[in-house]
Amino acid sequence: MQKIDFKKYSKFVMLGFSDGTPKKAILTAIVVGTLLTWINHGNSMMLGQFPSLIKIALTYLVPYCVTTWGAIITKLAQTKHETTESPNIH
């Protein structure tokens, strides 16, 4: 069995919890999760039939994860661009 190298993943964790990413992800999850919950389950909720908590939790978790992943990828691309960009010397 191969050992997991956690140092390899520490950069992703650091990027996911820096520069206001969690706050942005939470706000996105609240807005998008609420909209999706009403779109997907609004009719049944109006009739008093509520979906399972796991479905509602996933409806909020997915936008949080997508926002966080998007921020990580963007930060990695910016870092790569900054390191590969040649200095402009006149």
Foldseek 3Di string as FASTA:
>chain_A
DDDDDVVVCVLLVDQLPPDCQQVVLQVQLVVQLVVVCCVPCVVVVVVVDHDDPVVSVVSSVVSSVVSSVVSSVVVVVVVVCVVPDDDDDD
